[in-house]
Amino acid sequence: MKLKNEMFTIIDGNDNHIRLVLHAEHPIYQAHFPGNPITPGVCIVQMIGELLEERTGHRLALGQIVN
């Protein structure tokens, strides 16, 4: 599932950074600690992947995550 434009939107950026806004009305925030919402780690990893794909122009696949 792509999160760009649903859960977050890119505001601006350059070669060194990307600034984005998280959409507080997204359903994940209603389900993930209502009243004190946080962005789940799996969503953060997905957002990073989407941003890297956009930046590099290549389809990426996560091979491994070590805790």
N, C-alpha and C. Protein backbone atom coordinates (compact mmCIF):
# COMPACT_ATOMS: atom_id res chain seq x y z
N MET A 1 0.84 -1.17 0.00
CA MET A 1 0.00 0.00 0.00
C MET A 1 0.89 1.24 0.00
N LYS A 2 0.62 2.14 -0.91
CA LYS A 2 1.35 3.41 -0.95
C LYS A 2 0.73 4.37 0.05
N LEU A 3 1.59 5.07 0.76
CA LEU A 3 1.13 6.01 1.77
C LEU A 3 1.19 7.46 1.30
N LYS A 4 2.03 7.72 0.27
CA LYS A 4 2.18 9.09 -0.22
C LYS A 4 0.83 9.61 -0.70
N ASN A 5 0.53 10.82 -0.31
CA ASN A 5 -0.70 11.54 -0.63
C ASN A 5 -1.92 10.99 0.10
N GLU A 6 -1.76 9.91 0.84
CA GLU A 6 -2.84 9.40 1.69
C GLU A 6 -2.51 9.68 3.16
N MET A 7 -1.31 9.27 3.57
CA MET A 7 -0.88 9.46 4.96
C MET A 7 0.09 10.63 5.11
N PHE A 8 0.79 10.95 4.02
CA PHE A 8 1.71 12.08 4.06
C PHE A 8 1.80 12.74 2.68
N THR A 9 2.25 13.99 2.67
CA THR A 9 2.46 14.74 1.45
C THR A 9 3.82 15.42 1.55
N ILE A 10 4.56 15.40 0.46
CA ILE A 10 5.85 16.10 0.41
C ILE A 10 5.58 17.59 0.25
N ILE A 11 6.20 18.39 1.11
CA ILE A 11 6.06 19.85 1.04
C ILE A 11 7.16 20.42 0.16
N ASP A 12 8.39 20.05 0.44
CA ASP A 12 9.52 20.48 -0.37
C ASP A 12 10.72 19.63 -0.03
N GLY A 13 11.82 19.90 -0.69
CA GLY A 13 13.03 19.14 -0.43
C GLY A 13 14.08 19.45 -1.47
N ASN A 14 15.26 18.92 -1.20
CA ASN A 14 16.36 19.05 -2.14
C ASN A 14 17.21 17.79 -2.04
N ASP A 15 18.44 17.84 -2.50
CA ASP A 15 19.29 16.65 -2.47
C ASP A 15 19.63 16.19 -1.05
N ASN A 16 19.49 17.07 -0.08
CA ASN A 16 19.90 16.74 1.29
C ASN A 16 18.76 16.46 2.26
N HIS A 17 17.56 16.90 1.92
CA HIS A 17 16.44 16.67 2.85
C HIS A 17 15.11 16.68 2.10
N ILE A 18 14.12 16.13 2.76
CA ILE A 18 12.75 16.18 2.27
C ILE A 18 11.88 16.59 3.45
N ARG A 19 11.03 17.56 3.23
CA ARG A 19 10.11 17.99 4.28
C ARG A 19 8.71 17.52 3.88
N LEU A 20 8.02 16.91 4.82
CA LEU A 20 6.69 16.41 4.54
C LEU A 20 5.74 16.73 5.68
N VAL A 21 4.47 16.54 5.41
CA VAL A 21 3.43 16.73 6.43
C VAL A 21 2.68 15.41 6.55
N LEU A 22 2.42 15.00 7.78
CA LEU A 22 1.62 13.81 8.05
C LEU A 22 0.16 14.24 8.17
N HIS A 23 -0.74 13.45 7.61
CA HIS A 23 -2.16 13.78 7.62
C HIS A 23 -2.82 13.20 8.88
N ALA A 24 -3.10 14.07 9.83
CA ALA A 24 -3.64 13.66 11.12
C ALA A 24 -4.99 12.95 11.00
N GLU A 25 -5.72 13.17 9.91
CA GLU A 25 -7.04 12.56 9.74
C GLU A 25 -6.96 11.14 9.18
N HIS A 26 -5.75 10.67 8.85
CA HIS A 26 -5.60 9.31 8.31
C HIS A 26 -6.11 8.30 9.34
N PRO A 27 -6.81 7.26 8.89
CA PRO A 27 -7.40 6.27 9.80
C PRO A 27 -6.39 5.60 10.75
N ILE A 28 -5.14 5.48 10.35
CA ILE A 28 -4.16 4.82 11.24
C ILE A 28 -4.04 5.56 12.57
N TYR A 29 -4.20 6.89 12.53
CA TYR A 29 -4.07 7.66 13.78
C TYR A 29 -5.31 7.53 14.66
N GLN A 30 -6.43 7.14 14.07
CA GLN A 30 -7.63 6.89 14.87
C GLN A 30 -7.52 5.55 15.60
N ALA A 31 -6.78 4.62 15.01
CA ALA A 31 -6.66 3.28 15.58
C ALA A 31 -5.41 3.09 16.43
N HIS A 32 -4.38 3.87 16.18
CA HIS A 32 -3.10 3.68 16.85
C HIS A 32 -2.96 4.71 17.97
N PHE A 33 -3.35 4.31 19.15
CA PHE A 33 -3.33 5.14 20.35
C PHE A 33 -4.20 6.39 20.22
N PRO A 34 -5.52 6.21 20.06
CA PRO A 34 -6.43 7.36 19.98
C PRO A 34 -6.23 8.32 21.14
N GLY A 35 -6.26 9.59 20.84
CA GLY A 35 -6.04 10.61 21.87
C GLY A 35 -4.57 10.94 22.06
N ASN A 36 -3.70 10.04 21.68
CA ASN A 36 -2.26 10.26 21.76
C ASN A 36 -1.60 9.50 20.60
N PRO A 37 -1.98 9.87 19.36
CA PRO A 37 -1.55 9.09 18.20
C PRO A 37 -0.05 9.18 17.92
N ILE A 38 0.49 8.08 17.44
CA ILE A 38 1.88 8.05 16.97
C ILE A 38 1.90 7.34 15.62
N THR A 39 2.96 7.62 14.87
CA THR A 39 3.12 6.95 13.58
C THR A 39 3.78 5.60 13.81
N PRO A 40 3.12 4.51 13.44
CA PRO A 40 3.70 3.18 13.64
C PRO A 40 5.01 3.03 12.86
N GLY A 41 5.94 2.28 13.43
CA GLY A 41 7.24 2.06 12.81
C GLY A 41 7.15 1.49 11.41
N VAL A 42 6.21 0.57 11.19
CA VAL A 42 6.07 -0.03 9.87
C VAL A 42 5.67 1.03 8.84
N CYS A 43 4.90 2.03 9.25
CA CYS A 43 4.54 3.12 8.35
C CYS A 43 5.74 4.01 8.05
N ILE A 44 6.57 4.25 9.05
CA ILE A 44 7.78 5.05 8.84
C ILE A 44 8.70 4.36 7.84
N VAL A 45 8.88 3.04 7.98
CA VAL A 45 9.71 2.29 7.04
C VAL A 45 9.12 2.37 5.63
N GLN A 46 7.81 2.24 5.50
CA GLN A 46 7.15 2.34 4.19
C GLN A 46 7.36 3.72 3.59
N MET A 47 7.21 4.77 4.40
CA MET A 47 7.39 6.13 3.89
C MET A 47 8.82 6.33 3.39
N ILE A 48 9.79 5.86 4.14
CA ILE A 48 11.19 5.98 3.73
C ILE A 48 11.41 5.26 2.40
N GLY A 49 10.85 4.06 2.28
CA GLY A 49 10.97 3.32 1.02
C GLY A 49 10.38 4.07 -0.15
N GLU A 50 9.20 4.63 0.03
CA GLU A 50 8.56 5.38 -1.05
C GLU A 50 9.38 6.60 -1.43
N LEU A 51 9.90 7.30 -0.43
CA LEU A 51 10.72 8.49 -0.71
C LEU A 51 12.01 8.12 -1.43
N LEU A 52 12.64 7.02 -1.02
CA LEU A 52 13.86 6.57 -1.69
C LEU A 52 13.59 6.14 -3.13
N GLU A 53 12.49 5.45 -3.37
CA GLU A 53 12.14 5.06 -4.74
C GLU A 53 11.95 6.28 -5.61
N GLU A 54 11.27 7.28 -5.08
CA GLU A 54 11.05 8.51 -5.84
C GLU A 54 12.37 9.22 -6.11
N ARG A 55 13.22 9.25 -5.11
CA ARG A 55 14.51 9.95 -5.23
C ARG A 55 15.43 9.25 -6.22
N THR A 56 15.47 7.91 -6.20
CA THR A 56 16.40 7.16 -7.04
C THR A 56 15.82 6.81 -8.41
N GLY A 57 14.47 6.79 -8.50
CA GLY A 57 13.84 6.40 -9.75
C GLY A 57 13.87 4.90 -9.98
N HIS A 58 14.17 4.12 -8.93
CA HIS A 58 14.24 2.67 -9.04
C HIS A 58 13.26 2.03 -8.05
N ARG A 59 12.72 0.91 -8.45
CA ARG A 59 11.87 0.11 -7.56
C ARG A 59 12.78 -0.56 -6.54
N LEU A 60 12.46 -0.42 -5.28
CA LEU A 60 13.28 -0.99 -4.21
C LEU A 60 12.51 -2.07 -3.47
N ALA A 61 13.23 -3.01 -2.91
CA ALA A 61 12.63 -4.06 -2.09
C ALA A 61 13.43 -4.18 -0.80
N LEU A 62 12.74 -4.21 0.31
CA LEU A 62 13.39 -4.38 1.59
C LEU A 62 13.83 -5.82 1.76
N GLY A 63 15.10 -6.00 2.01
CA GLY A 63 15.64 -7.36 2.14
C GLY A 63 15.65 -7.87 3.56
N GLN A 64 15.94 -6.99 4.52
CA GLN A 64 16.03 -7.43 5.91
C GLN A 64 16.00 -6.23 6.84
N ILE A 65 15.37 -6.41 7.97
CA ILE A 65 15.42 -5.44 9.05
C ILE A 65 15.87 -6.18 10.30
N VAL A 66 16.86 -5.64 10.97
CA VAL A 66 17.35 -6.24 12.20
C VAL A 66 16.99 -5.31 13.34
N ASN A 67 16.41 -5.85 14.38
CA ASN A 67 16.01 -5.06 15.53
C ASN A 67 17.21 -4.64 16.33
